[in-house]
């Protein structure tokens, strides 16, 4: 078990922070509550987390507050480490392909940067 729970959450660059900063206090509070839940519970209900089919290890955190539905993309690195990518407000039934493509691009950037840091 991790020091403060079952998982650790990390932000990659400012992508998630930009999304988070644009939200009102009620949405930010619900996002923070959901992130704590993810860190602290041994099993997370699918109503909060879901693997995106057709992607290589890309998941979404699902946050709903009032009439607002929000999604935050993430992936696992080193087993218990969750890397948050971009977020958006969901306005249609299907997740927009451009948002998934952006998350995939950011994930690729993360691993390329990580690989560069490991070089001697």
N, C-alpha and C. Protein backbone atom coordinates (compact mmCIF):
# COMPACT_ATOMS: atom_id res chain seq x y z
N UNK A 1 0.84 -1.18 0.00
CA UNK A 1 0.00 0.00 0.00
C UNK A 1 0.88 1.25 0.00
N UNK A 2 0.46 2.26 -0.74
CA UNK A 2 1.20 3.52 -0.79
C UNK A 2 1.08 4.24 0.55
N UNK A 3 1.95 5.20 0.78
CA UNK A 3 1.98 5.91 2.05
C UNK A 3 0.63 6.54 2.40
N UNK A 4 -0.04 7.18 1.44
CA UNK A 4 -1.31 7.82 1.74
C UNK A 4 -2.48 7.13 1.02
N UNK A 5 -2.34 5.87 0.67
CA UNK A 5 -3.44 5.16 0.03
C UNK A 5 -2.95 4.04 -0.87
N UNK A 6 -3.84 3.63 -1.75
CA UNK A 6 -3.56 2.52 -2.66
C UNK A 6 -2.87 2.97 -3.95
N UNK A 7 -3.04 4.23 -4.30
CA UNK A 7 -2.44 4.77 -5.52
C UNK A 7 -1.91 6.16 -5.25
N UNK A 8 -1.00 6.60 -6.12
CA UNK A 8 -0.51 7.98 -6.08
C UNK A 8 -0.93 8.65 -7.38
N UNK A 9 -1.33 9.89 -7.28
CA UNK A 9 -1.74 10.65 -8.47
C UNK A 9 -0.72 11.74 -8.72
N UNK A 10 -0.32 11.85 -9.98
CA UNK A 10 0.65 12.87 -10.37
C UNK A 10 0.12 13.59 -11.61
N UNK A 11 0.51 14.84 -11.75
CA UNK A 11 0.10 15.64 -12.91
C UNK A 11 1.30 15.75 -13.84
N UNK A 12 1.05 15.60 -15.12
CA UNK A 12 2.12 15.77 -16.10
C UNK A 12 2.02 17.16 -16.71
N UNK A 13 3.07 17.93 -16.52
CA UNK A 13 3.14 19.33 -16.99
C UNK A 13 1.89 20.08 -16.52
N UNK A 14 1.40 21.02 -17.30
CA UNK A 14 0.26 21.83 -16.85
C UNK A 14 -1.06 21.48 -17.49
N UNK A 15 -1.11 20.35 -18.21
CA UNK A 15 -2.32 20.02 -18.96
C UNK A 15 -3.55 19.90 -18.06
N UNK A 16 -3.45 19.08 -17.03
CA UNK A 16 -4.58 18.92 -16.12
C UNK A 16 -4.83 20.22 -15.35
N UNK A 17 -3.77 20.88 -14.92
CA UNK A 17 -3.89 22.12 -14.15
C UNK A 17 -4.66 23.20 -14.90
N UNK A 18 -4.44 23.29 -16.20
CA UNK A 18 -5.16 24.28 -17.02
C UNK A 18 -6.66 23.99 -17.01
N UNK A 19 -6.99 22.72 -17.18
CA UNK A 19 -8.40 22.31 -17.15
C UNK A 19 -9.00 22.62 -15.78
N UNK A 20 -8.30 22.21 -14.72
CA UNK A 20 -8.78 22.37 -13.35
C UNK A 20 -9.00 23.84 -13.00
N UNK A 21 -8.09 24.70 -13.40
CA UNK A 21 -8.17 26.12 -13.08
C UNK A 21 -9.38 26.80 -13.74
N UNK A 22 -9.84 26.27 -14.85
CA UNK A 22 -10.99 26.86 -15.56
C UNK A 22 -12.33 26.51 -14.92
N UNK A 23 -12.35 25.56 -14.00
CA UNK A 23 -13.60 25.08 -13.42
C UNK A 23 -14.02 25.94 -12.22
N UNK A 24 -15.32 25.93 -11.95
CA UNK A 24 -15.79 26.66 -10.77
C UNK A 24 -15.48 25.86 -9.50
N UNK A 25 -15.68 26.47 -8.35
CA UNK A 25 -15.31 25.85 -7.09
C UNK A 25 -16.03 24.52 -6.87
N UNK A 26 -17.31 24.44 -7.21
CA UNK A 26 -18.09 23.22 -7.02
C UNK A 26 -17.48 22.06 -7.82
N UNK A 27 -17.09 22.32 -9.05
CA UNK A 27 -16.48 21.28 -9.90
C UNK A 27 -15.10 20.91 -9.35
N UNK A 28 -14.30 21.90 -8.98
CA UNK A 28 -12.96 21.61 -8.42
C UNK A 28 -13.07 20.76 -7.16
N UNK A 29 -14.05 21.09 -6.29
CA UNK A 29 -14.24 20.31 -5.07
C UNK A 29 -14.60 18.85 -5.39
N UNK A 30 -15.46 18.66 -6.37
CA UNK A 30 -15.87 17.29 -6.75
C UNK A 30 -14.71 16.54 -7.38
N UNK A 31 -13.90 17.21 -8.19
CA UNK A 31 -12.71 16.59 -8.79
C UNK A 31 -11.76 16.17 -7.67
N UNK A 32 -11.49 17.06 -6.72
CA UNK A 32 -10.60 16.73 -5.60
C UNK A 32 -11.13 15.56 -4.79
N UNK A 33 -12.43 15.53 -4.54
CA UNK A 33 -13.06 14.44 -3.80
C UNK A 33 -12.86 13.12 -4.55
N UNK A 34 -13.07 13.15 -5.85
CA UNK A 34 -12.93 11.94 -6.67
C UNK A 34 -11.48 11.47 -6.70
N UNK A 35 -10.54 12.39 -6.80
CA UNK A 35 -9.12 12.01 -6.81
C UNK A 35 -8.71 11.37 -5.48
N UNK A 36 -9.22 11.91 -4.36
CA UNK A 36 -8.92 11.30 -3.05
C UNK A 36 -9.49 9.89 -2.98
N UNK A 37 -10.70 9.70 -3.49
CA UNK A 37 -11.34 8.39 -3.53
C UNK A 37 -10.45 7.40 -4.29
N UNK A 38 -9.93 7.82 -5.42
CA UNK A 38 -9.08 6.97 -6.26
C UNK A 38 -7.81 6.59 -5.52
N UNK A 39 -7.24 7.51 -4.78
CA UNK A 39 -6.01 7.22 -4.03
C UNK A 39 -6.28 6.28 -2.85
N UNK A 40 -7.42 6.42 -2.20
CA UNK A 40 -7.63 5.77 -0.92
C UNK A 40 -8.42 4.47 -0.94
N UNK A 41 -9.24 4.23 -1.94
CA UNK A 41 -10.04 3.00 -1.96
C UNK A 41 -9.31 1.87 -2.67
N UNK A 42 -9.40 0.64 -2.15
CA UNK A 42 -8.73 -0.48 -2.81
C UNK A 42 -9.35 -0.80 -4.18
N UNK A 43 -10.67 -0.68 -4.29
CA UNK A 43 -11.33 -0.91 -5.58
C UNK A 43 -12.24 0.28 -5.87
N UNK A 44 -12.11 0.80 -7.08
CA UNK A 44 -12.88 1.98 -7.47
C UNK A 44 -14.04 1.54 -8.36
N UNK A 45 -15.27 1.97 -8.04
CA UNK A 45 -16.41 1.62 -8.90
C UNK A 45 -16.23 2.17 -10.32
N UNK A 46 -16.74 1.43 -11.30
CA UNK A 46 -16.61 1.86 -12.70
C UNK A 46 -17.33 3.17 -12.97
N UNK A 47 -18.23 3.56 -12.09
CA UNK A 47 -18.90 4.85 -12.28
C UNK A 47 -17.91 6.01 -12.16
N UNK A 48 -16.72 5.76 -11.57
CA UNK A 48 -15.70 6.79 -11.43
C UNK A 48 -14.51 6.60 -12.37
N UNK A 49 -14.21 5.37 -12.71
CA UNK A 49 -13.04 5.06 -13.56
C UNK A 49 -13.44 4.09 -14.66
N UNK A 50 -12.89 4.31 -15.84
CA UNK A 50 -13.21 3.38 -16.93
C UNK A 50 -12.05 3.35 -17.92
N UNK A 51 -11.72 2.13 -18.38
CA UNK A 51 -10.73 1.96 -19.43
C UNK A 51 -11.39 2.35 -20.75
N UNK A 52 -10.66 3.07 -21.59
CA UNK A 52 -11.19 3.44 -22.91
C UNK A 52 -10.82 2.34 -23.90
N UNK A 53 -11.82 1.65 -24.38
CA UNK A 53 -11.57 0.57 -25.33
C UNK A 53 -10.94 1.12 -26.59
N UNK A 54 -10.07 0.31 -27.17
CA UNK A 54 -9.40 0.71 -28.39
C UNK A 54 -8.19 1.61 -28.15
N UNK A 55 -7.81 1.79 -26.89
CA UNK A 55 -6.62 2.59 -26.58
C UNK A 55 -5.62 1.71 -25.84
N UNK A 56 -4.39 2.12 -25.87
CA UNK A 56 -3.32 1.38 -25.20
C UNK A 56 -3.13 1.91 -23.78
N UNK A 57 -3.99 1.44 -22.86
CA UNK A 57 -3.84 1.80 -21.47
C UNK A 57 -4.33 3.19 -21.09
N UNK A 58 -5.25 3.74 -21.84
CA UNK A 58 -5.80 5.05 -21.52
C UNK A 58 -7.12 4.85 -20.76
N UNK A 59 -7.28 5.60 -19.68
CA UNK A 59 -8.47 5.51 -18.84
C UNK A 59 -9.07 6.90 -18.68
N UNK A 60 -10.31 6.92 -18.17
CA UNK A 60 -10.92 8.20 -17.87
C UNK A 60 -11.49 8.18 -16.46
N UNK A 61 -11.32 9.30 -15.78
CA UNK A 61 -11.95 9.55 -14.49
C UNK A 61 -13.24 10.27 -14.81
N UNK A 62 -14.32 9.79 -14.21
CA UNK A 62 -15.63 10.36 -14.49
C UNK A 62 -16.09 11.18 -13.29
N UNK A 63 -16.41 12.43 -13.55
CA UNK A 63 -16.87 13.34 -12.49
C UNK A 63 -18.18 13.95 -12.95
N UNK A 64 -19.18 13.89 -12.07
CA UNK A 64 -20.46 14.51 -12.39
C UNK A 64 -20.87 15.39 -11.23
N UNK A 65 -21.27 16.60 -11.56
CA UNK A 65 -21.76 17.53 -10.55
C UNK A 65 -22.92 18.31 -11.15
N UNK A 66 -24.08 18.20 -10.54
CA UNK A 66 -25.27 18.84 -11.09
C UNK A 66 -25.52 18.31 -12.50
N UNK A 67 -25.62 19.22 -13.46
CA UNK A 67 -25.81 18.83 -14.85
C UNK A 67 -24.49 18.69 -15.59
N UNK A 68 -23.37 18.98 -14.93
CA UNK A 68 -22.07 18.94 -15.59
C UNK A 68 -21.44 17.55 -15.52
N UNK A 69 -20.96 17.11 -16.65
CA UNK A 69 -20.25 15.83 -16.74
C UNK A 69 -18.84 16.14 -17.24
N UNK A 70 -17.84 15.67 -16.49
CA UNK A 70 -16.45 15.96 -16.80
C UNK A 70 -15.68 14.67 -16.92
N UNK A 71 -14.66 14.68 -17.77
CA UNK A 71 -13.79 13.52 -17.94
C UNK A 71 -12.35 13.99 -17.83
N UNK A 72 -11.54 13.18 -17.14
CA UNK A 72 -10.11 13.44 -17.01
C UNK A 72 -9.39 12.18 -17.47
N UNK A 73 -8.54 12.31 -18.47
CA UNK A 73 -7.80 11.16 -18.97
C UNK A 73 -6.56 10.90 -18.12
N UNK A 74 -6.22 9.63 -17.99
CA UNK A 74 -5.03 9.25 -17.24
C UNK A 74 -4.53 7.90 -17.71
N UNK A 75 -3.34 7.54 -17.23
CA UNK A 75 -2.80 6.20 -17.45
C UNK A 75 -1.97 5.83 -16.24
N UNK A 76 -1.68 4.53 -16.13
CA UNK A 76 -0.85 4.04 -15.04
C UNK A 76 0.60 3.99 -15.49
N UNK A 77 1.48 4.44 -14.63
CA UNK A 77 2.92 4.30 -14.85
C UNK A 77 3.48 3.69 -13.58
N UNK A 78 4.32 2.69 -13.73
CA UNK A 78 4.93 2.03 -12.57
C UNK A 78 3.86 1.53 -11.60
N UNK A 79 2.87 0.85 -12.10
CA UNK A 79 1.85 0.12 -11.36
C UNK A 79 0.89 1.01 -10.57
N UNK A 80 1.31 1.63 -9.50
CA UNK A 80 0.39 2.36 -8.61
C UNK A 80 0.39 3.86 -8.84
N UNK A 81 1.12 4.32 -9.84
CA UNK A 81 1.22 5.75 -10.12
C UNK A 81 0.27 6.12 -11.25
N UNK A 82 -0.65 7.02 -10.97
CA UNK A 82 -1.60 7.50 -11.98
C UNK A 82 -1.11 8.86 -12.48
N UNK A 83 -0.97 8.97 -13.80
CA UNK A 83 -0.56 10.23 -14.42
C UNK A 83 -1.79 10.87 -15.06
N UNK A 84 -2.18 12.04 -14.54
CA UNK A 84 -3.33 12.75 -15.10
C UNK A 84 -2.89 13.51 -16.35
N UNK A 85 -3.74 13.44 -17.36
CA UNK A 85 -3.46 14.13 -18.62
C UNK A 85 -4.41 15.31 -18.74
N UNK A 86 -5.18 15.37 -19.80
CA UNK A 86 -6.09 16.47 -20.03
C UNK A 86 -7.49 16.15 -19.49
N UNK A 87 -8.30 17.19 -19.34
CA UNK A 87 -9.68 17.02 -18.93
C UNK A 87 -10.57 17.89 -19.81
N UNK A 88 -11.85 17.58 -19.79
CA UNK A 88 -12.80 18.36 -20.58
C UNK A 88 -14.21 18.16 -20.03
N UNK A 89 -15.10 19.05 -20.40
CA UNK A 89 -16.51 18.88 -20.04
C UNK A 89 -17.18 18.12 -21.16
N UNK A 90 -17.85 17.05 -20.79
CA UNK A 90 -18.50 16.19 -21.78
C UNK A 90 -19.88 16.74 -22.09
N UNK A 91 -20.14 16.98 -23.38
CA UNK A 91 -21.42 17.57 -23.77
C UNK A 91 -22.22 16.67 -24.70
N UNK A 92 -21.61 15.55 -25.12
CA UNK A 92 -22.30 14.60 -25.99
C UNK A 92 -22.18 13.20 -25.39
N UNK A 93 -22.94 12.27 -25.92
CA UNK A 93 -22.93 10.89 -25.42
C UNK A 93 -21.55 10.25 -25.58
N UNK A 94 -20.96 10.43 -26.76
CA UNK A 94 -19.65 9.83 -27.04
C UNK A 94 -18.53 10.79 -26.65
N UNK A 95 -17.41 10.21 -26.20
CA UNK A 95 -16.24 11.02 -25.91
C UNK A 95 -15.65 11.51 -27.23
N UNK A 96 -15.45 12.81 -27.38
CA UNK A 96 -14.92 13.34 -28.65
C UNK A 96 -13.55 12.75 -29.00
N UNK A 97 -13.41 12.34 -30.25
CA UNK A 97 -12.15 11.74 -30.72
C UNK A 97 -10.97 12.69 -30.57
N UNK A 98 -11.20 13.99 -30.74
CA UNK A 98 -10.09 14.95 -30.62
C UNK A 98 -9.56 14.98 -29.19
N UNK A 99 -10.42 14.77 -28.19
CA UNK A 99 -9.97 14.75 -26.79
C UNK A 99 -9.15 13.49 -26.52
N UNK A 100 -9.59 12.37 -27.07
CA UNK A 100 -8.83 11.11 -26.91
C UNK A 100 -7.48 11.24 -27.62
N UNK A 101 -7.48 11.81 -28.83
CA UNK A 101 -6.23 11.99 -29.58
C UNK A 101 -5.27 12.89 -28.80
N UNK A 102 -5.78 13.92 -28.17
CA UNK A 102 -4.93 14.82 -27.37
C UNK A 102 -4.32 14.06 -26.20
N UNK A 103 -5.12 13.25 -25.52
CA UNK A 103 -4.62 12.47 -24.38
C UNK A 103 -3.54 11.49 -24.83
N UNK A 104 -3.74 10.84 -25.96
CA UNK A 104 -2.74 9.90 -26.49
C UNK A 104 -1.44 10.63 -26.81
N UNK A 105 -1.57 11.81 -27.39
CA UNK A 105 -0.39 12.62 -27.73
C UNK A 105 0.38 13.02 -26.46
N UNK A 106 -0.33 13.43 -25.42
CA UNK A 106 0.31 13.83 -24.17
C UNK A 106 0.99 12.61 -23.51
N UNK A 107 0.33 11.46 -23.55
CA UNK A 107 0.91 10.24 -22.98
C UNK A 107 2.21 9.88 -23.70
N UNK A 108 2.19 9.99 -25.02
CA UNK A 108 3.39 9.71 -25.81
C UNK A 108 4.51 10.68 -25.45
N UNK A 109 4.16 11.95 -25.30
CA UNK A 109 5.13 12.98 -24.90
C UNK A 109 5.75 12.64 -23.54
N UNK A 110 4.92 12.18 -22.62
CA UNK A 110 5.39 11.80 -21.28
C UNK A 110 6.46 10.71 -21.37
N UNK A 111 6.16 9.65 -22.13
CA UNK A 111 7.10 8.53 -22.23
C UNK A 111 8.36 8.92 -23.00
N UNK A 112 8.24 9.77 -24.01
CA UNK A 112 9.44 10.23 -24.73
C UNK A 112 10.33 11.05 -23.80
N UNK A 113 9.72 11.92 -23.00
CA UNK A 113 10.49 12.72 -22.06
C UNK A 113 11.13 11.85 -20.99
N UNK A 114 10.40 10.86 -20.52
CA UNK A 114 10.92 9.94 -19.50
C UNK A 114 12.12 9.16 -20.05
N UNK A 115 12.02 8.74 -21.31
CA UNK A 115 13.11 8.01 -21.95
C UNK A 115 14.35 8.89 -22.09
N UNK A 116 14.14 10.16 -22.43
CA UNK A 116 15.27 11.10 -22.55
C UNK A 116 15.96 11.32 -21.21
N UNK A 117 15.20 11.34 -20.15
CA UNK A 117 15.76 11.56 -18.82
C UNK A 117 16.60 10.37 -18.34
N UNK A 118 16.29 9.18 -18.85
CA UNK A 118 17.04 7.98 -18.45
C UNK A 118 18.35 7.82 -19.20
N UNK A 119 18.50 8.54 -20.31
CA UNK A 119 19.74 8.41 -21.10
C UNK A 119 20.91 8.96 -20.30
N UNK A 120 22.08 8.30 -20.42
CA UNK A 120 23.26 8.77 -19.67
C UNK A 120 23.82 10.09 -20.21
